[in-house]
C-alpha cells in the first residue's frame, strides 16, 4: 500500500481555498511511496513534504499564498497552516493508525 491512500477521501471542510489543491498535490507526491513503519515517521514525512511544496513549515503561524494553487478569487491560493496542524495532518495520522490496525489484524483494507 502506498501513502496516497491516506488522502482519500478528501476532508469536507478546508482552511483556505488553496488547501484542497495542496492536499491533492501532496497525495500525488506520495503516489507509489510505501506506508511508513510508524506514525512518527509519517508525521515527519508529511511535515517535510509540506515544507518542500510550500516553502513554509507547518508550524508557520500566518496564512500564506502558493501561487500555483491560485485559481481565481480574493483568497485563492491561500494556505492555512492551522488547518494542516489541527485537522489535515491529524486526519492523515488517524487514517494511518486505522490502516495499521487493519494490517495487524490480518484483514485487507477496503
PDB file of N, CA and C in Angstrom:
ATOM      1  N   UNK A   1       0.832  -1.181   0.000  1.00  0.00           N
ATOM      2  CA  UNK A   1       0.000   0.000   0.000  1.00  0.00           C
ATOM      3  C   UNK A   1       0.877   1.244   0.000  1.00  0.00           C
ATOM      4  N   UNK A   2       0.383   2.246  -0.711  1.00  0.00           N
ATOM      5  CA  UNK A   2       1.165   3.474  -0.740  1.00  0.00           C
ATOM      6  C   UNK A   2       0.477   4.576   0.050  1.00  0.00           C
ATOM      7  N   UNK A   3       1.248   5.581   0.361  1.00  0.00           N
ATOM      8  CA  UNK A   3       0.784   6.652   1.252  1.00  0.00           C
ATOM      9  C   UNK A   3      -0.377   7.449   0.682  1.00  0.00           C
ATOM     10  N   UNK A   4      -0.527   7.473  -0.620  1.00  0.00           N
ATOM     11  CA  UNK A   4      -1.586   8.289  -1.214  1.00  0.00           C
ATOM     12  C   UNK A   4      -2.979   7.811  -0.804  1.00  0.00           C
ATOM     13  N   UNK A   5      -3.116   6.561  -0.351  1.00  0.00           N
ATOM     14  CA  UNK A   5      -4.442   6.081   0.077  1.00  0.00           C
ATOM     15  C   UNK A   5      -4.949   6.842   1.296  1.00  0.00           C
ATOM     16  N   UNK A   6      -4.043   7.406   2.066  1.00  0.00           N
ATOM     17  CA  UNK A   6      -4.440   8.152   3.260  1.00  0.00           C
ATOM     18  C   UNK A   6      -5.172   9.444   2.912  1.00  0.00           C
ATOM     19  N   UNK A   7      -5.016   9.920   1.692  1.00  0.00           N
ATOM     20  CA  UNK A   7      -5.597  11.194   1.268  1.00  0.00           C
ATOM     21  C   UNK A   7      -7.007  11.052   0.680  1.00  0.00           C
ATOM     22  N   UNK A   8      -7.541   9.843   0.659  1.00  0.00           N
ATOM     23  CA  UNK A   8      -8.858   9.610   0.083  1.00  0.00           C
ATOM     24  C   UNK A   8      -9.778   8.987   1.125  1.00  0.00           C
ATOM     25  N   UNK A   9     -10.901   9.617   1.396  1.00  0.00           N
ATOM     26  CA  UNK A   9     -11.488  10.788   0.757  1.00  0.00           C
ATOM     27  C   UNK A   9     -10.906  12.090   1.307  1.00  0.00           C
ATOM     28  N   UNK A  10     -11.167  13.146   0.561  1.00  0.00           N
ATOM     29  CA  UNK A  10     -10.720  14.471   0.984  1.00  0.00           C
ATOM     30  C   UNK A  10     -11.567  14.963   2.151  1.00  0.00           C
ATOM     31  N   UNK A  11     -11.010  15.852   2.972  1.00  0.00           N
ATOM     32  CA  UNK A  11     -11.809  16.444   4.057  1.00  0.00           C
ATOM     33  C   UNK A  11     -13.025  17.199   3.497  1.00  0.00           C
ATOM     34  N   UNK A  12     -14.026  17.338   4.317  1.00  0.00           N
ATOM     35  CA  UNK A  12     -15.233  18.071   3.921  1.00  0.00           C
ATOM     36  C   UNK A  12     -15.013  19.569   4.053  1.00  0.00           C
ATOM     37  N   UNK A  13     -14.286  19.984   5.086  1.00  0.00           N
ATOM     38  CA  UNK A  13     -14.017  21.403   5.321  1.00  0.00           C
ATOM     39  C   UNK A  13     -12.528  21.680   5.199  1.00  0.00           C
ATOM     40  N   UNK A  14     -12.222  22.881   4.693  1.00  0.00           N
ATOM     41  CA  UNK A  14     -10.845  23.295   4.497  1.00  0.00           C
ATOM     42  C   UNK A  14     -10.581  24.570   5.268  1.00  0.00           C
ATOM     43  N   UNK A  15      -9.333  24.961   5.351  1.00  0.00           N
ATOM     44  CA  UNK A  15      -8.969  26.224   5.973  1.00  0.00           C
ATOM     45  C   UNK A  15      -9.149  27.377   5.000  1.00  0.00           C
ATOM     46  N   UNK A  16      -8.371  27.348   3.891  1.00  0.00           N
ATOM     47  CA  UNK A  16      -8.453  28.372   2.851  1.00  0.00           C
ATOM     48  C   UNK A  16      -8.559  27.702   1.483  1.00  0.00           C
ATOM     49  N   UNK A  17      -8.763  28.509   0.469  1.00  0.00           N
ATOM     50  CA  UNK A  17      -9.063  27.971  -0.858  1.00  0.00           C
ATOM     51  C   UNK A  17      -7.910  27.233  -1.528  1.00  0.00           C
ATOM     52  N   UNK A  18      -6.685  27.451  -1.089  1.00  0.00           N
ATOM     53  CA  UNK A  18      -5.553  26.720  -1.661  1.00  0.00           C
ATOM     54  C   UNK A  18      -5.321  25.363  -1.025  1.00  0.00           C
ATOM     55  N   UNK A  19      -5.938  25.131   0.136  1.00  0.00           N
ATOM     56  CA  UNK A  19      -5.703  23.870   0.857  1.00  0.00           C
ATOM     57  C   UNK A  19      -6.114  22.624   0.069  1.00  0.00           C
ATOM     58  N   UNK A  20      -7.257  22.606  -0.616  1.00  0.00           N
ATOM     59  CA  UNK A  20      -7.601  21.395  -1.382  1.00  0.00           C
ATOM     60  C   UNK A  20      -6.582  21.085  -2.482  1.00  0.00           C
ATOM     61  N   UNK A  21      -6.032  22.131  -3.096  1.00  0.00           N
ATOM     62  CA  UNK A  21      -5.036  21.921  -4.144  1.00  0.00           C
ATOM     63  C   UNK A  21      -3.735  21.375  -3.568  1.00  0.00           C
ATOM     64  N   UNK A  22      -3.359  21.873  -2.395  1.00  0.00           N
ATOM     65  CA  UNK A  22      -2.165  21.362  -1.732  1.00  0.00           C
ATOM     66  C   UNK A  22      -2.388  19.915  -1.294  1.00  0.00           C
ATOM     67  N   UNK A  23      -3.575  19.607  -0.807  1.00  0.00           N
ATOM     68  CA  UNK A  23      -3.930  18.237  -0.405  1.00  0.00           C
ATOM     69  C   UNK A  23      -3.715  17.278  -1.588  1.00  0.00           C
ATOM     70  N   UNK A  24      -4.236  17.661  -2.743  1.00  0.00           N
ATOM     71  CA  UNK A  24      -4.119  16.824  -3.945  1.00  0.00           C
ATOM     72  C   UNK A  24      -2.663  16.720  -4.403  1.00  0.00           C
ATOM     73  N   UNK A  25      -1.928  17.824  -4.288  1.00  0.00           N
ATOM     74  CA  UNK A  25      -0.518  17.802  -4.670  1.00  0.00           C
ATOM     75  C   UNK A  25       0.271  16.870  -3.742  1.00  0.00           C
ATOM     76  N   UNK A  26      -0.040  16.909  -2.459  1.00  0.00           N
ATOM     77  CA  UNK A  26       0.642  16.018  -1.515  1.00  0.00           C
ATOM     78  C   UNK A  26       0.299  14.566  -1.821  1.00  0.00           C
ATOM     79  N   UNK A  27      -0.964  14.282  -2.125  1.00  0.00           N
ATOM     80  CA  UNK A  27      -1.361  12.915  -2.475  1.00  0.00           C
ATOM     81  C   UNK A  27      -0.560  12.424  -3.680  1.00  0.00           C
ATOM     82  N   UNK A  28      -0.378  13.288  -4.673  1.00  0.00           N
ATOM     83  CA  UNK A  28       0.419  12.923  -5.847  1.00  0.00           C
ATOM     84  C   UNK A  28       1.876  12.651  -5.471  1.00  0.00           C
ATOM     85  N   UNK A  29       2.414  13.454  -4.564  1.00  0.00           N
ATOM     86  CA  UNK A  29       3.807  13.278  -4.125  1.00  0.00           C
ATOM     87  C   UNK A  29       4.021  11.901  -3.487  1.00  0.00           C
ATOM     88  N   UNK A  30       2.985  11.407  -2.825  1.00  0.00           N
ATOM     89  CA  UNK A  30       3.111  10.142  -2.099  1.00  0.00           C
ATOM     90  C   UNK A  30       2.646   8.933  -2.911  1.00  0.00           C
ATOM     91  N   UNK A  31       2.254   9.152  -4.154  1.00  0.00           N
ATOM     92  CA  UNK A  31       1.846   8.048  -5.017  1.00  0.00           C
ATOM     93  C   UNK A  31       3.026   7.100  -5.188  1.00  0.00           C
ATOM     94  N   UNK A  32       2.822   5.843  -4.891  1.00  0.00           N
ATOM     95  CA  UNK A  32       3.879   4.854  -5.052  1.00  0.00           C
ATOM     96  C   UNK A  32       4.866   4.777  -3.898  1.00  0.00           C
ATOM     97  N   UNK A  33       4.717   5.645  -2.897  1.00  0.00           N
ATOM     98  CA  UNK A  33       5.596   5.611  -1.721  1.00  0.00           C
ATOM     99  C   UNK A  33       4.936   4.703  -0.678  1.00  0.00           C
ATOM    100  N   UNK A  34       5.634   3.664  -0.220  1.00  0.00           N
ATOM    101  CA  UNK A  34       5.032   2.755   0.760  1.00  0.00           C
ATOM    102  C   UNK A  34       4.702   3.455   2.080  1.00  0.00           C
ATOM    103  N   UNK A  35       3.694   2.945   2.764  1.00  0.00           N
ATOM    104  CA  UNK A  35       3.362   3.463   4.084  1.00  0.00           C
ATOM    105  C   UNK A  35       4.565   3.292   5.010  1.00  0.00           C
ATOM    106  N   UNK A  36       4.844   4.286   5.834  1.00  0.00           N
ATOM    107  CA  UNK A  36       5.975   4.169   6.755  1.00  0.00           C
ATOM    108  C   UNK A  36       5.680   3.171   7.875  1.00  0.00           C
ATOM    109  N   UNK A  37       6.679   2.919   8.675  1.00  0.00           N
ATOM    110  CA  UNK A  37       6.544   1.959   9.775  1.00  0.00           C
ATOM    111  C   UNK A  37       5.819   2.528  10.987  1.00  0.00           C
ATOM    112  N   UNK A  38       5.897   3.847  11.178  1.00  0.00           N
ATOM    113  CA  UNK A  38       5.333   4.433  12.396  1.00  0.00           C
ATOM    114  C   UNK A  38       4.626   5.749  12.105  1.00  0.00           C
ATOM    115  N   UNK A  39       3.761   6.151  13.026  1.00  0.00           N
ATOM    116  CA  UNK A  39       3.075   7.436  12.893  1.00  0.00           C
ATOM    117  C   UNK A  39       4.074   8.585  13.030  1.00  0.00           C
ATOM    118  N   UNK A  40       5.124   8.397  13.819  1.00  0.00           N
ATOM    119  CA  UNK A  40       6.164   9.428  13.946  1.00  0.00           C
ATOM    120  C   UNK A  40       6.844   9.657  12.594  1.00  0.00           C
ATOM    121  N   UNK A  41       7.166   8.571  11.914  1.00  0.00           N
ATOM    122  CA  UNK A  41       7.798   8.670  10.594  1.00  0.00           C
ATOM    123  C   UNK A  41       6.833   9.330   9.599  1.00  0.00           C
ATOM    124  N   UNK A  42       5.554   8.966   9.665  1.00  0.00           N
ATOM    125  CA  UNK A  42       4.558   9.577   8.785  1.00  0.00           C
ATOM    126  C   UNK A  42       4.465  11.075   9.037  1.00  0.00           C
ATOM    127  N   UNK A  43       4.387  11.455  10.293  1.00  0.00           N
ATOM    128  CA  UNK A  43       4.305  12.869  10.647  1.00  0.00           C
ATOM    129  C   UNK A  43       5.501  13.637  10.093  1.00  0.00           C
ATOM    130  N   UNK A  44       6.679  13.081  10.221  1.00  0.00           N
ATOM    131  CA  UNK A  44       7.891  13.723   9.692  1.00  0.00           C
ATOM    132  C   UNK A  44       7.824  13.855   8.169  1.00  0.00           C
ATOM    133  N   UNK A  45       7.387  12.807   7.500  1.00  0.00           N
ATOM    134  CA  UNK A  45       7.270  12.845   6.038  1.00  0.00           C
ATOM    135  C   UNK A  45       6.263  13.901   5.594  1.00  0.00           C
ATOM    136  N   UNK A  46       5.143  13.993   6.282  1.00  0.00           N
ATOM    137  CA  UNK A  46       4.130  14.989   5.939  1.00  0.00           C
ATOM    138  C   UNK A  46       4.657  16.400   6.136  1.00  0.00           C
ATOM    139  N   UNK A  47       5.332  16.633   7.251  1.00  0.00           N
ATOM    140  CA  UNK A  47       5.871  17.966   7.529  1.00  0.00           C
ATOM    141  C   UNK A  47       6.976  18.343   6.541  1.00  0.00           C
ATOM    142  N   UNK A  48       7.836  17.390   6.190  1.00  0.00           N
ATOM    143  CA  UNK A  48       8.893  17.645   5.216  1.00  0.00           C
ATOM    144  C   UNK A  48       8.305  17.968   3.845  1.00  0.00           C
ATOM    145  N   UNK A  49       7.269  17.241   3.458  1.00  0.00           N
ATOM    146  CA  UNK A  49       6.647  17.456   2.154  1.00  0.00           C
ATOM    147  C   UNK A  49       5.909  18.779   2.119  1.00  0.00           C
ATOM    148  N   UNK A  50       5.246  19.129   3.211  1.00  0.00           N
ATOM    149  CA  UNK A  50       4.575  20.426   3.307  1.00  0.00           C
ATOM    150  C   UNK A  50       5.589  21.549   3.080  1.00  0.00           C
ATOM    151  N   UNK A  51       6.718  21.462   3.758  1.00  0.00           N
ATOM    152  CA  UNK A  51       7.783  22.470   3.624  1.00  0.00           C
ATOM    153  C   UNK A  51       8.309  22.512   2.190  1.00  0.00           C
ATOM    154  N   UNK A  52       8.557  21.354   1.619  1.00  0.00           N
ATOM    155  CA  UNK A  52       9.083  21.266   0.251  1.00  0.00           C
ATOM    156  C   UNK A  52       8.117  21.901  -0.758  1.00  0.00           C
ATOM    157  N   UNK A  53       6.818  21.656  -0.595  1.00  0.00           N
ATOM    158  CA  UNK A  53       5.834  22.130  -1.567  1.00  0.00           C
ATOM    159  C   UNK A  53       5.428  23.587  -1.372  1.00  0.00           C
ATOM    160  N   UNK A  54       5.542  24.092  -0.147  1.00  0.00           N
ATOM    161  CA  UNK A  54       5.062  25.446   0.123  1.00  0.00           C
ATOM    162  C   UNK A  54       6.180  26.444   0.426  1.00  0.00           C
ATOM    163  N   UNK A  55       7.313  25.950   0.889  1.00  0.00           N
ATOM    164  CA  UNK A  55       8.374  26.843   1.320  1.00  0.00           C
ATOM    165  C   UNK A  55       8.206  27.316   2.753  1.00  0.00           C
ATOM    166  N   UNK A  56       7.174  26.833   3.430  1.00  0.00           N
ATOM    167  CA  UNK A  56       6.902  27.205   4.825  1.00  0.00           C
ATOM    168  C   UNK A  56       6.765  25.945   5.675  1.00  0.00           C
ATOM    169  N   UNK A  57       7.206  26.005   6.926  1.00  0.00           N
ATOM    170  CA  UNK A  57       6.959  24.870   7.824  1.00  0.00           C
ATOM    171  C   UNK A  57       5.486  24.882   8.253  1.00  0.00           C
ATOM    172  N   UNK A  58       4.973  23.740   8.597  1.00  0.00           N
ATOM    173  CA  UNK A  58       3.582  23.645   9.050  1.00  0.00           C
ATOM    174  C   UNK A  58       3.392  24.419  10.362  1.00  0.00           C
ATOM    175  N   UNK A  59       4.467  24.702  11.064  1.00  0.00           N
ATOM    176  CA  UNK A  59       4.398  25.464  12.315  1.00  0.00           C
ATOM    177  C   UNK A  59       4.263  26.968  12.077  1.00  0.00           C
ATOM    178  N   UNK A  60       4.381  27.418  10.823  1.00  0.00           N
ATOM    179  CA  UNK A  60       4.259  28.849  10.493  1.00  0.00           C
ATOM    180  C   UNK A  60       2.908  29.353  11.005  1.00  0.00           C
ATOM    181  N   UNK A  61       2.915  30.495  11.651  1.00  0.00           N
ATOM    182  CA  UNK A  61       1.711  30.968  12.349  1.00  0.00           C
ATOM    183  C   UNK A  61       0.752  31.800  11.507  1.00  0.00           C
ATOM    184  N   UNK A  62       1.142  32.192  10.314  1.00  0.00           N
ATOM    185  CA  UNK A  62       0.267  33.024   9.494  1.00  0.00           C
ATOM    186  C   UNK A  62      -0.090  32.306   8.198  1.00  0.00           C
ATOM    187  N   UNK A  63      -1.240  32.671   7.650  1.00  0.00           N
ATOM    188  CA  UNK A  63      -1.631  32.151   6.342  1.00  0.00           C
ATOM    189  C   UNK A  63      -0.656  32.670   5.305  1.00  0.00           C
ATOM    190  N   UNK A  64      -0.512  31.952   4.223  1.00  0.00           N
ATOM    191  CA  UNK A  64       0.353  32.390   3.130  1.00  0.00           C
ATOM    192  C   UNK A  64      -0.255  31.924   1.816  1.00  0.00           C
ATOM    193  N   UNK A  65       0.311  32.388   0.738  1.00  0.00           N
ATOM    194  CA  UNK A  65      -0.225  32.098  -0.595  1.00  0.00           C
ATOM    195  C   UNK A  65       0.775  31.260  -1.388  1.00  0.00           C
ATOM    196  N   UNK A  66       0.254  30.262  -2.093  1.00  0.00           N
ATOM    197  CA  UNK A  66       1.047  29.468  -3.021  1.00  0.00           C
ATOM    198  C   UNK A  66       0.472  29.765  -4.410  1.00  0.00           C
ATOM    199  N   UNK A  67       1.228  30.464  -5.193  1.00  0.00           N
ATOM    200  CA  UNK A  67       0.737  30.983  -6.476  1.00  0.00           C
ATOM    201  C   UNK A  67       0.198  29.890  -7.398  1.00  0.00           C
ATOM    202  N   UNK A  68       0.845  28.730  -7.459  1.00  0.00           N
ATOM    203  CA  UNK A  68       0.382  27.690  -8.384  1.00  0.00           C
ATOM    204  C   UNK A  68      -0.978  27.125  -7.982  1.00  0.00           C
ATOM    205  N   UNK A  69      -1.413  27.396  -6.758  1.00  0.00           N
ATOM    206  CA  UNK A  69      -2.730  26.936  -6.310  1.00  0.00           C
ATOM    207  C   UNK A  69      -3.766  28.055  -6.353  1.00  0.00           C
ATOM    208  N   UNK A  70      -3.407  29.174  -6.955  1.00  0.00           N
ATOM    209  CA  UNK A  70      -4.338  30.288  -7.103  1.00  0.00           C
ATOM    210  C   UNK A  70      -5.120  30.099  -8.397  1.00  0.00           C
ATOM    211  N   UNK A  71      -6.421  29.936  -8.266  1.00  0.00           N
ATOM    212  CA  UNK A  71      -7.276  29.671  -9.426  1.00  0.00           C
ATOM    213  C   UNK A  71      -8.409  30.681  -9.509  1.00  0.00           C
ATOM    214  N   UNK A  72      -8.175  31.888  -9.053  1.00  0.00           N
ATOM    215  CA  UNK A  72      -9.174  32.947  -9.134  1.00  0.00           C
ATOM    216  C   UNK A  72      -9.824  33.216  -7.795  1.00  0.00           C
ATOM    217  N   UNK A  73     -10.156  34.462  -7.557  1.00  0.00           N
ATOM    218  CA  UNK A  73     -10.794  34.850  -6.302  1.00  0.00           C
ATOM    219  C   UNK A  73      -9.805  35.482  -5.354  1.00  0.00           C
ATOM    220  N   UNK A  74     -10.340  36.218  -4.406  1.00  0.00           N
ATOM    221  CA  UNK A  74      -9.514  37.008  -3.499  1.00  0.00           C
ATOM    222  C   UNK A  74      -8.596  36.160  -2.617  1.00  0.00           C
ATOM    223  N   UNK A  75      -9.095  35.067  -2.065  1.00  0.00           N
ATOM    224  CA  UNK A  75      -8.269  34.250  -1.169  1.00  0.00           C
ATOM    225  C   UNK A  75      -7.684  33.029  -1.883  1.00  0.00           C
ATOM    226  N   UNK A  76      -7.750  33.043  -3.202  1.00  0.00           N
ATOM    227  CA  UNK A  76      -7.271  31.913  -3.989  1.00  0.00           C
ATOM    228  C   UNK A  76      -5.788  31.660  -3.725  1.00  0.00           C
ATOM    229  N   UNK A  77      -5.452  30.398  -3.563  1.00  0.00           N
ATOM    230  CA  UNK A  77      -4.072  30.008  -3.314  1.00  0.00           C
ATOM    231  C   UNK A  77      -3.646  30.113  -1.867  1.00  0.00           C
ATOM    232  N   UNK A  78      -4.568  30.571  -1.000  1.00  0.00           N
ATOM    233  CA  UNK A  78      -4.245  30.714   0.414  1.00  0.00           C
ATOM    234  C   UNK A  78      -4.118  29.373   1.104  1.00  0.00           C
ATOM    235  N   UNK A  79      -3.093  29.246   1.925  1.00  0.00           N
ATOM    236  CA  UNK A  79      -2.849  28.024   2.700  1.00  0.00           C
ATOM    237  C   UNK A  79      -2.961  28.382   4.175  1.00  0.00           C
ATOM    238  N   UNK A  80      -3.769  27.629   4.894  1.00  0.00           N
ATOM    239  CA  UNK A  80      -3.972  27.835   6.330  1.00  0.00           C
ATOM    240  C   UNK A  80      -3.199  26.763   7.094  1.00  0.00           C
ATOM    241  N   UNK A  81      -2.069  27.143   7.660  1.00  0.00           N
ATOM    242  CA  UNK A  81      -1.289  26.156   8.412  1.00  0.00           C
ATOM    243  C   UNK A  81      -2.080  25.629   9.607  1.00  0.00           C
ATOM    244  N   UNK A  82      -2.971  26.444  10.140  1.00  0.00           N
ATOM    245  CA  UNK A  82      -3.819  25.991  11.250  1.00  0.00           C
ATOM    246  C   UNK A  82      -4.657  24.778  10.828  1.00  0.00           C
ATOM    247  N   UNK A  83      -5.209  24.809   9.613  1.00  0.00           N
ATOM    248  CA  UNK A  83      -5.957  23.656   9.101  1.00  0.00           C
ATOM    249  C   UNK A  83      -5.066  22.419   9.080  1.00  0.00           C
ATOM    250  N   UNK A  84      -3.861  22.564   8.573  1.00  0.00           N
ATOM    251  CA  UNK A  84      -2.962  21.417   8.453  1.00  0.00           C
ATOM    252  C   UNK A  84      -2.553  20.886   9.818  1.00  0.00           C
ATOM    253  N   UNK A  85      -2.257  21.781  10.764  1.00  0.00           N
ATOM    254  CA  UNK A  85      -1.845  21.348  12.107  1.00  0.00           C
ATOM    255  C   UNK A  85      -2.994  20.709  12.885  1.00  0.00           C
ATOM    256  N   UNK A  86      -4.184  21.309  12.794  1.00  0.00           N
ATOM    257  CA  UNK A  86      -5.296  20.893  13.653  1.00  0.00           C
ATOM    258  C   UNK A  86      -6.250  19.885  13.021  1.00  0.00           C
ATOM    259  N   UNK A  87      -6.306  19.837  11.687  1.00  0.00           N
ATOM    260  CA  UNK A  87      -7.247  18.920  11.052  1.00  0.00           C
ATOM    261  C   UNK A  87      -6.613  18.018  10.002  1.00  0.00           C
ATOM    262  N   UNK A  88      -5.865  18.601   9.066  1.00  0.00           N
ATOM    263  CA  UNK A  88      -5.333  17.824   7.949  1.00  0.00           C
ATOM    264  C   UNK A  88      -4.375  16.721   8.361  1.00  0.00           C
ATOM    265  N   UNK A  89      -3.301  17.091   9.040  1.00  0.00           N
ATOM    266  CA  UNK A  89      -2.310  16.085   9.453  1.00  0.00           C
ATOM    267  C   UNK A  89      -2.891  15.123  10.487  1.00  0.00           C
ATOM    268  N   UNK A  90      -3.649  15.588  11.488  1.00  0.00           N
ATOM    269  CA  UNK A  90      -4.278  14.622  12.405  1.00  0.00           C
ATOM    270  C   UNK A  90      -5.210  13.626  11.692  1.00  0.00           C
ATOM    271  N   UNK A  91      -5.922  14.085  10.661  1.00  0.00           N
ATOM    272  CA  UNK A  91      -6.781  13.173   9.896  1.00  0.00           C
ATOM    273  C   UNK A  91      -5.939  12.107   9.202  1.00  0.00           C
ATOM    274  N   UNK A  92      -4.845  12.507   8.585  1.00  0.00           N
ATOM    275  CA  UNK A  92      -3.969  11.544   7.911  1.00  0.00           C
ATOM    276  C   UNK A  92      -3.358  10.559   8.909  1.00  0.00           C
ATOM    277  N   UNK A  93      -2.973  11.050  10.076  1.00  0.00           N
ATOM    278  CA  UNK A  93      -2.416  10.171  11.113  1.00  0.00           C
ATOM    279  C   UNK A  93      -3.455   9.188  11.633  1.00  0.00           C
ATOM    280  N   UNK A  94      -4.701   9.631  11.771  1.00  0.00           N
ATOM    281  CA  UNK A  94      -5.747   8.714  12.251  1.00  0.00           C
ATOM    282  C   UNK A  94      -6.058   7.656  11.194  1.00  0.00           C
ATOM    283  N   UNK A  95      -6.028   8.034   9.944  1.00  0.00           N
ATOM    284  CA  UNK A  95      -6.232   7.054   8.870  1.00  0.00           C
ATOM    285  C   UNK A  95      -5.083   6.051   8.836  1.00  0.00           C
ATOM    286  N   UNK A  96      -3.877   6.524   9.087  1.00  0.00           N
ATOM    287  CA  UNK A  96      -2.717   5.632   9.152  1.00  0.00           C
ATOM    288  C   UNK A  96      -2.879   4.636  10.294  1.00  0.00           C
ATOM    289  N   UNK A  97      -3.281   5.129  11.459  1.00  0.00           N
ATOM    290  CA  UNK A  97      -3.473   4.248  12.618  1.00  0.00           C
ATOM    291  C   UNK A  97      -4.527   3.192  12.320  1.00  0.00           C
ATOM    292  N   UNK A  98      -5.616   3.603  11.682  1.00  0.00           N
ATOM    293  CA  UNK A  98      -6.668   2.642  11.318  1.00  0.00           C
ATOM    294  C   UNK A  98      -6.129   1.617  10.327  1.00  0.00           C
ATOM    295  N   UNK A  99      -5.341   2.064   9.376  1.00  0.00           N
ATOM    296  CA  UNK A  99      -4.746   1.169   8.386  1.00  0.00           C
ATOM    297  C   UNK A  99      -3.791   0.184   9.052  1.00  0.00           C
ATOM    298  N   UNK A 100      -3.008   0.656   9.999  1.00  0.00           N
ATOM    299  CA  UNK A 100      -2.083  -0.213  10.714  1.00  0.00           C
ATOM    300  C   UNK A 100      -2.839  -1.266  11.512  1.00  0.00           C
ATOM    301  N   UNK A 101      -3.950  -0.874  12.125  1.00  0.00           N
ATOM    302  CA  UNK A 101      -4.775  -1.820  12.868  1.00  0.00           C
ATOM    303  C   UNK A 101      -5.327  -2.903  11.969  1.00  0.00           C
ATOM    304  N   UNK A 102      -5.752  -2.527  10.781  1.00  0.00           N
ATOM    305  CA  UNK A 102      -6.271  -3.489   9.804  1.00  0.00           C
ATOM    306  C   UNK A 102      -5.169  -4.453   9.401  1.00  0.00           C
ATOM    307  N   UNK A 103      -3.985  -3.936   9.134  1.00  0.00           N
ATOM    308  CA  UNK A 103      -2.884  -4.803   8.710  1.00  0.00           C
ATOM    309  C   UNK A 103      -2.452  -5.744   9.832  1.00  0.00           C
ATOM    310  N   UNK A 104      -2.449  -5.245  11.087  1.00  0.00           N
ATOM    311  CA  UNK A 104      -2.045  -6.084  12.216  1.00  0.00           C
ATOM    312  C   UNK A 104      -3.025  -7.222  12.438  1.00  0.00           C
ATOM    313  N   UNK A 105      -4.321  -6.937  12.238  1.00  0.00           N
ATOM    314  CA  UNK A 105      -5.340  -7.949  12.461  1.00  0.00           C
ATOM    315  C   UNK A 105      -5.440  -8.953  11.323  1.00  0.00           C
ATOM    316  N   UNK A 106      -4.727  -8.662  10.234  1.00  0.00           N
ATOM    317  CA  UNK A 106      -4.715  -9.589   9.110  1.00  0.00           C
ATOM    318  C   UNK A 106      -5.850  -9.401   8.139  1.00  0.00           C
ATOM    319  N   UNK A 107      -6.612  -8.352   8.280  1.00  0.00           N
ATOM    320  CA  UNK A 107      -7.698  -8.105   7.343  1.00  0.00           C
ATOM    321  C   UNK A 107      -7.223  -7.157   6.256  1.00  0.00           C
ATOM    322  N   UNK A 108      -7.715  -7.362   5.066  1.00  0.00           N
ATOM    323  CA  UNK A 108      -7.365  -6.471   3.951  1.00  0.00           C
ATOM    324  C   UNK A 108      -8.113  -5.152   4.105  1.00  0.00           C
ATOM    325  N   UNK A 109      -7.450  -4.083   3.736  1.00  0.00           N
ATOM    326  CA  UNK A 109      -8.089  -2.766   3.755  1.00  0.00           C
ATOM    327  C   UNK A 109      -9.104  -2.678   2.628  1.00  0.00           C
ATOM    328  N   UNK A 110     -10.143  -1.903   2.862  1.00  0.00           N
ATOM    329  CA  UNK A 110     -11.148  -1.751   1.802  1.00  0.00           C
ATOM    330  C   UNK A 110     -10.705  -0.731   0.804  1.00  0.00           C
TER     331      UNK A 110
END
